[in-house]
Amino acid sequence: MLLKVEAADRGKRLDAFLHERLPEYSRSRLQSWIREGRVQVKRAPGKADRAPGKPSTILHGTEEIGVEPAHLAPLKAAAEDIPLTVLYEDAGVVVIDKPPGMVVHAGAGVHAGTLVNALLHRFSRLSSVGGDLRPGIVHRLDRFTSGVLAVAKTDAAHQNLAAQFQSRKIEKIYLALVEGNLTGSGRIQKPIARDPRNRARMTARLSTGRSALTDWKAIETFSGFTLLEIRIGTGRTHQIRAHMAALGHPVAGDRLYGAKASPWNRYFLHAHRLGFRSPATGEAVMVESPLPPDLTEWKSSLSK
């Protein structure tokens, strides 16, 4: 297989890059492939010369990586009896109300209790486009972000939804409580890249990265906090969290991005609405997830 390194990947270790792009394989397995010479790095585009990489090889952002997997089966998710709340379902799509704390699919040391494990138990058929580790998964929500998440039941529906996401035809609306007071509305259009000082987070404070668009509107103000309705035109990793932190108003409770700790053990970010065209019928669908009890209680505890 051939993987193209993007500008946003500049500065990453080769093994970390492969683990991000091929999450169905463990980091140790990928490192063994590198040591076995199964991973070849071509530095200059258009040239044929490739050289074996090392796990610690630092990428420049222009390489092509050739990977020759060993004949070992990738990790495969197993069905688990975990309750799910279904908000919408048709022949091609099911929309889940994801609870906070649930990881969407296995990776980074999490191999059980995920949304995928629950989906495999609940539904007899899911799309195979994402492979055995991510069946049905078209998009993701961060672990502690709750709310609306669409899952494809068939390969055709998966490809249709993926095209809608790529062409930015899907409407994604979030509710977020942020630190500080904001009024009116605004737009954040800053590229998002991996933070070179902390690989667990993203940053919108660099000139390089992937383009990202976030529109926000203040809908309620409290003492030291503002509740926002947020629409995102792109779906970058940690997009809302990184953009609001760059604005100086991190999502409440989001300690990774500089916010103060909250007694609710999560940050206040909820995927409230998702609008798309049903791949099965072509009709417009808008699915809404109400604010969950913990965030409702958090909001009620704030003084105007």
Protein backbone atom coordinates (compact mmCIF):
# COMPACT_ATOMS: atom_id res chain seq x y z
CA MET A 1 0.00 0.00 0.00
CA LEU A 2 1.10 3.59 -0.64
CA LEU A 3 0.56 6.42 1.88
CA LYS A 4 1.15 10.07 1.03
CA VAL A 5 2.55 12.31 3.77
CA GLU A 6 0.86 15.72 4.00
CA ALA A 7 2.27 19.05 5.14
CA ALA A 8 0.37 18.68 8.42
CA ASP A 9 2.40 15.52 9.13
CA ARG A 10 5.73 17.36 9.04
CA GLY A 11 7.78 16.60 12.15
CA LYS A 12 6.00 13.33 12.99
CA ARG A 13 7.90 10.12 13.66
CA LEU A 14 7.38 7.46 11.03
CA ASP A 15 5.92 4.95 13.50
CA ALA A 16 3.48 7.56 14.89
CA PHE A 17 2.39 8.52 11.36
CA LEU A 18 1.73 4.89 10.45
CA HIS A 19 -0.23 4.30 13.65
CA GLU A 20 -2.48 7.29 12.82
CA ARG A 21 -3.06 6.17 9.24
CA LEU A 22 -3.35 2.44 9.99
CA PRO A 23 -5.08 2.26 13.40
CA GLU A 24 -6.28 -1.28 12.71
CA TYR A 25 -2.70 -2.42 13.38
CA SER A 26 -0.94 -2.09 16.74
CA ARG A 27 2.03 0.25 17.09
CA SER A 28 4.31 -2.69 17.98
CA ARG A 29 3.28 -4.53 14.81
CA LEU A 30 3.95 -1.48 12.67
CA GLN A 31 7.34 -0.98 14.32
CA SER A 32 8.23 -4.61 13.58
CA TRP A 33 7.35 -4.05 9.90
CA ILE A 34 9.65 -1.02 9.85
CA ARG A 35 12.51 -3.01 11.38
CA GLU A 36 11.89 -5.83 8.88
CA GLY A 37 12.29 -3.39 5.97
CA ARG A 38 8.62 -3.59 4.99
CA VAL A 39 8.28 0.21 5.15
CA GLN A 40 10.04 2.19 2.42
CA VAL A 41 10.30 5.98 2.43
CA LYS A 42 10.52 8.03 -0.78
CA ARG A 43 11.62 11.54 0.18
CA ALA A 44 11.35 13.41 -3.14
CA PRO A 45 8.08 13.30 -5.15
CA GLY A 46 8.53 12.05 -8.69
CA LYS A 47 11.70 10.07 -7.91
CA ALA A 48 11.85 6.31 -7.82
CA ASP A 49 14.42 5.88 -5.05
CA ARG A 50 13.12 4.57 -1.74
CA ALA A 51 14.97 3.71 1.44
CA PRO A 52 13.96 1.61 4.44
CA GLY A 53 12.66 3.76 7.27
CA LYS A 54 13.32 3.62 10.99
CA PRO A 55 10.63 4.00 13.69
CA SER A 56 12.23 7.31 14.69
CA THR A 57 12.51 8.69 11.13
CA ILE A 58 11.20 12.27 11.13
CA LEU A 59 8.91 13.12 8.22
CA HIS A 60 9.28 16.29 6.15
CA GLY A 61 5.70 16.41 4.86
CA THR A 62 6.39 15.50 1.21
CA GLU A 63 7.19 11.79 1.36
CA GLU A 64 5.46 8.75 -0.05
CA ILE A 65 5.49 5.73 2.25
CA GLY A 66 5.30 2.25 0.82
CA VAL A 67 4.06 -0.39 3.26
CA GLU A 68 4.21 -4.13 2.65
CA PRO A 69 2.10 -5.69 5.41
CA ALA A 70 3.07 -9.07 6.75
CA HIS A 71 0.45 -11.75 6.31
CA LEU A 72 -1.18 -11.25 9.68
CA ALA A 73 -4.84 -10.51 10.19
CA PRO A 74 -5.55 -6.99 11.43
CA LEU A 75 -7.27 -6.41 14.71
CA LYS A 76 -10.99 -7.14 14.57
CA ALA A 77 -13.71 -5.66 16.74
CA ALA A 78 -15.97 -8.02 18.69
CA ALA A 79 -19.65 -7.61 19.49
CA GLU A 80 -20.49 -6.49 23.04
CA ASP A 81 -23.89 -6.10 24.67
CA ILE A 82 -23.75 -2.35 25.35
CA PRO A 83 -26.97 -0.26 25.35
CA LEU A 84 -27.40 2.23 22.50
CA THR A 85 -29.91 5.03 21.90
CA VAL A 86 -31.04 5.11 18.27
CA LEU A 87 -32.32 8.50 17.08
CA TYR A 88 -32.99 7.60 13.44
CA GLU A 89 -32.77 4.57 11.18
CA ASP A 90 -33.50 3.71 7.57
CA ALA A 91 -32.27 1.11 5.08
CA GLY A 92 -28.78 2.63 4.79
CA VAL A 93 -28.12 4.72 7.90
CA VAL A 94 -28.56 4.56 11.64
CA VAL A 95 -27.98 7.63 13.81
CA ILE A 96 -26.84 7.05 17.39
CA ASP A 97 -26.96 9.35 20.41
CA LYS A 98 -23.39 8.74 21.61
CA PRO A 99 -22.92 9.03 25.37
CA PRO A 100 -19.93 10.91 26.80
CA GLY A 101 -16.94 8.77 27.68
CA MET A 102 -17.53 6.23 24.91
CA VAL A 103 -14.74 5.82 22.36
CA VAL A 104 -16.02 5.40 18.78
CA HIS A 105 -13.63 2.61 17.76
CA ALA A 106 -10.61 0.78 19.14
CA GLY A 107 -7.21 2.43 19.19
CA ALA A 108 -4.63 4.02 21.50
CA GLY A 109 -4.93 1.24 24.07
CA VAL A 110 -8.76 1.02 23.98
CA HIS A 111 -9.96 -2.32 22.59
CA ALA A 112 -13.36 -2.86 24.24
CA GLY A 113 -16.45 -0.93 25.29
CA THR A 114 -16.45 1.15 22.11
CA LEU A 115 -19.35 2.29 19.97
CA VAL A 116 -18.27 -0.22 17.30
CA ASN A 117 -18.46 -3.07 19.82
CA ALA A 118 -22.01 -1.99 20.69
CA LEU A 119 -23.00 -1.59 17.03
CA LEU A 120 -21.82 -5.08 16.13
CA HIS A 121 -24.07 -6.53 18.83
CA ARG A 122 -27.10 -4.43 17.86
CA PHE A 123 -27.01 -4.60 14.04
CA SER A 124 -26.62 -7.58 11.77
CA ARG A 125 -25.10 -5.52 8.96
CA LEU A 126 -22.69 -2.57 8.87
CA SER A 127 -20.63 -1.16 6.02
CA SER A 128 -17.23 -2.75 5.45
CA VAL A 129 -15.54 0.34 4.00
CA GLY A 130 -13.77 1.14 7.27
CA GLY A 131 -12.41 -2.39 7.66
CA ASP A 132 -12.88 -4.88 10.51
CA LEU A 133 -11.90 -2.37 13.18
CA ARG A 134 -14.25 0.44 12.09
CA PRO A 135 -17.33 -1.11 10.44
CA GLY A 136 -19.97 1.51 9.66
CA ILE A 137 -17.92 4.45 10.92
CA VAL A 138 -18.16 7.42 8.57
CA HIS A 139 -17.20 10.18 11.05
CA ARG A 140 -16.23 10.38 14.69
CA LEU A 141 -16.81 12.32 17.89
CA ASP A 142 -14.16 12.78 20.56
CA ARG A 143 -14.43 10.47 23.55
CA PHE A 144 -16.06 13.00 25.88
CA THR A 145 -18.19 14.69 23.21
CA SER A 146 -21.75 13.43 23.32
CA GLY A 147 -24.50 13.54 20.73
CA VAL A 148 -25.47 12.73 17.16
CA LEU A 149 -23.32 10.32 15.17
CA ALA A 150 -24.29 8.70 11.84
CA VAL A 151 -23.33 5.10 11.02
CA ALA A 152 -23.55 3.45 7.60
CA LYS A 153 -25.27 0.09 7.33
CA THR A 154 -24.20 -0.59 3.74
CA ASP A 155 -21.11 0.17 1.66
CA ALA A 156 -23.19 2.25 -0.77
CA ALA A 157 -24.57 4.36 2.08
CA HIS A 158 -21.06 4.77 3.52
CA GLN A 159 -19.68 6.07 0.21
CA ASN A 160 -22.69 8.37 -0.21
CA LEU A 161 -22.33 9.87 3.27
CA ALA A 162 -18.56 10.20 2.89
CA ALA A 163 -19.13 12.18 -0.32
CA GLN A 164 -21.61 14.44 1.49
CA PHE A 165 -19.06 15.07 4.24
CA GLN A 166 -16.29 15.74 1.75
CA SER A 167 -18.41 18.20 -0.25
CA ARG A 168 -19.51 19.89 3.00
CA LYS A 169 -23.18 19.22 2.35
CA ILE A 170 -23.78 17.78 5.81
CA GLU A 171 -24.98 20.21 8.47
CA LYS A 172 -23.20 19.77 11.80
CA ILE A 173 -24.42 21.84 14.75
CA TYR A 174 -22.92 21.66 18.23
CA LEU A 175 -23.67 23.23 21.60
CA ALA A 176 -20.61 24.33 23.55
CA LEU A 177 -20.15 26.18 26.80
CA VAL A 178 -16.94 28.23 26.65
CA GLU A 179 -15.01 30.19 29.23
CA GLY A 180 -15.45 33.97 29.14
CA ASN A 181 -18.16 36.13 27.67
CA LEU A 182 -18.89 36.43 23.97
CA THR A 183 -21.67 38.31 22.20
CA GLY A 184 -23.01 38.19 18.67
CA SER A 185 -21.42 35.75 16.26
CA GLY A 186 -18.15 35.10 14.49
CA ARG A 187 -16.14 32.87 12.20
CA ILE A 188 -12.83 31.12 12.86
CA GLN A 189 -10.92 30.12 9.76
CA LYS A 190 -7.54 28.87 10.92
CA PRO A 191 -5.67 25.74 9.84
CA ILE A 192 -5.38 22.96 12.39
CA ALA A 193 -2.25 20.87 12.90
CA ARG A 194 -0.82 18.53 15.51
CA ASP A 195 0.74 20.54 18.34
CA PRO A 196 4.50 19.91 18.16
CA ARG A 197 4.86 20.52 21.91
CA ASN A 198 2.04 18.16 22.94
CA ARG A 199 1.17 15.37 20.53
CA ALA A 200 -2.10 14.65 22.37
CA ARG A 201 -3.62 17.92 21.21
CA MET A 202 -4.10 19.97 18.07
CA THR A 203 -3.36 23.65 17.55
CA ALA A 204 -4.74 26.48 15.43
CA ARG A 205 -1.80 28.74 16.23
CA LEU A 206 0.46 27.58 13.37
CA SER A 207 0.45 28.76 9.77
CA THR A 208 0.59 25.17 8.54
CA GLY A 209 -2.09 22.53 8.89
CA ARG A 210 -5.36 21.47 7.35
CA SER A 211 -7.94 24.15 6.55
CA ALA A 212 -10.78 24.41 9.06
CA LEU A 213 -13.92 26.54 9.31
CA THR A 214 -15.94 27.13 12.48
CA ASP A 215 -18.93 29.50 12.83
CA TRP A 216 -20.19 30.38 16.29
CA LYS A 217 -23.17 32.28 17.70
CA ALA A 218 -23.73 33.26 21.32
CA ILE A 219 -27.14 32.06 22.54
CA GLU A 220 -26.92 32.49 26.32
CA THR A 221 -24.52 34.30 28.66
CA PHE A 222 -23.64 33.37 32.24
CA SER A 223 -21.19 34.70 34.78
CA GLY A 224 -17.84 33.87 33.21
CA PHE A 225 -19.27 31.56 30.54
CA THR A 226 -21.13 31.69 27.23
CA LEU A 227 -23.27 29.01 25.63
CA LEU A 228 -22.61 28.87 21.88
CA GLU A 229 -24.25 27.28 18.90
CA ILE A 230 -21.43 26.15 16.64
CA ARG A 231 -21.53 25.04 13.00
CA ILE A 232 -18.48 23.46 11.45
CA GLY A 233 -17.81 23.38 7.73
CA THR A 234 -14.96 20.88 8.13
CA GLY A 235 -14.37 17.94 10.45
CA ARG A 236 -10.81 18.19 11.69
CA THR A 237 -9.59 16.41 14.81
CA HIS A 238 -10.47 18.47 17.92
CA GLN A 239 -11.60 21.29 15.59
CA ILE A 240 -14.01 23.11 17.90
CA ARG A 241 -11.77 22.60 20.92
CA ALA A 242 -8.65 23.89 19.14
CA HIS A 243 -10.43 26.82 17.47
CA MET A 244 -12.12 28.04 20.65
CA ALA A 245 -8.83 27.77 22.56
CA ALA A 246 -7.11 29.80 19.84
CA LEU A 247 -9.86 32.43 20.24
CA GLY A 248 -9.05 32.63 23.96
CA HIS A 249 -12.32 30.97 25.00
CA PRO A 250 -11.63 27.26 25.54
CA VAL A 251 -14.53 24.84 25.91
CA ALA A 252 -15.50 24.69 29.58
CA GLY A 253 -13.87 21.79 31.39
CA ASP A 254 -11.44 21.07 28.54
CA ARG A 255 -8.19 20.94 30.51
CA LEU A 256 -6.20 19.70 27.50
CA TYR A 257 -6.85 23.08 25.87
CA GLY A 258 -6.31 25.27 28.91
CA ALA A 259 -9.74 25.40 30.55
CA LYS A 260 -10.29 24.98 34.28
CA ALA A 261 -11.36 21.59 35.62
CA SER A 262 -15.08 20.97 36.08
CA PRO A 263 -16.87 18.76 38.64
CA TRP A 264 -18.57 16.89 35.78
CA ASN A 265 -15.35 15.13 34.67
CA ARG A 266 -15.84 16.10 31.04
CA TYR A 267 -15.90 19.16 28.85
CA PHE A 268 -19.12 20.85 27.71
CA LEU A 269 -19.41 19.93 24.03
CA HIS A 270 -22.44 18.24 22.50
CA ALA A 271 -23.22 17.30 18.89
CA HIS A 272 -26.74 18.69 18.83
CA ARG A 273 -27.98 18.30 15.25
CA LEU A 274 -26.90 16.47 12.10
CA GLY A 275 -28.48 17.16 8.74
CA PHE A 276 -27.91 15.02 5.64
CA ARG A 277 -29.65 13.43 2.67
CA SER A 278 -30.62 9.83 3.21
CA PRO A 279 -28.61 7.64 0.83
CA ALA A 280 -31.61 5.30 0.70
CA THR A 281 -34.35 7.80 -0.17
CA GLY A 282 -32.60 11.03 -1.15
CA GLU A 283 -34.78 12.91 1.31
CA ALA A 284 -33.39 15.56 3.66
CA VAL A 285 -32.99 14.31 7.24
CA MET A 286 -32.31 16.38 10.36
CA VAL A 287 -31.61 14.44 13.54
CA GLU A 288 -31.43 16.14 16.92
CA SER A 289 -29.99 15.01 20.25
CA PRO A 290 -31.22 16.94 23.29
CA LEU A 291 -28.70 18.24 25.78
CA PRO A 292 -27.88 15.25 28.06
CA PRO A 293 -28.70 15.30 31.79
CA ASP A 294 -25.16 16.05 33.00
CA LEU A 295 -24.76 19.08 30.72
CA THR A 296 -28.29 20.25 31.55
CA GLU A 297 -27.39 20.11 35.23
CA TRP A 298 -24.11 21.91 34.57
CA LYS A 299 -25.91 24.67 32.67
CA SER A 300 -28.53 25.00 35.42
CA SER A 301 -25.79 25.43 38.03
CA LEU A 302 -24.47 28.58 36.35
CA SER A 303 -25.57 32.03 37.44
CA LYS A 304 -26.82 34.45 34.82
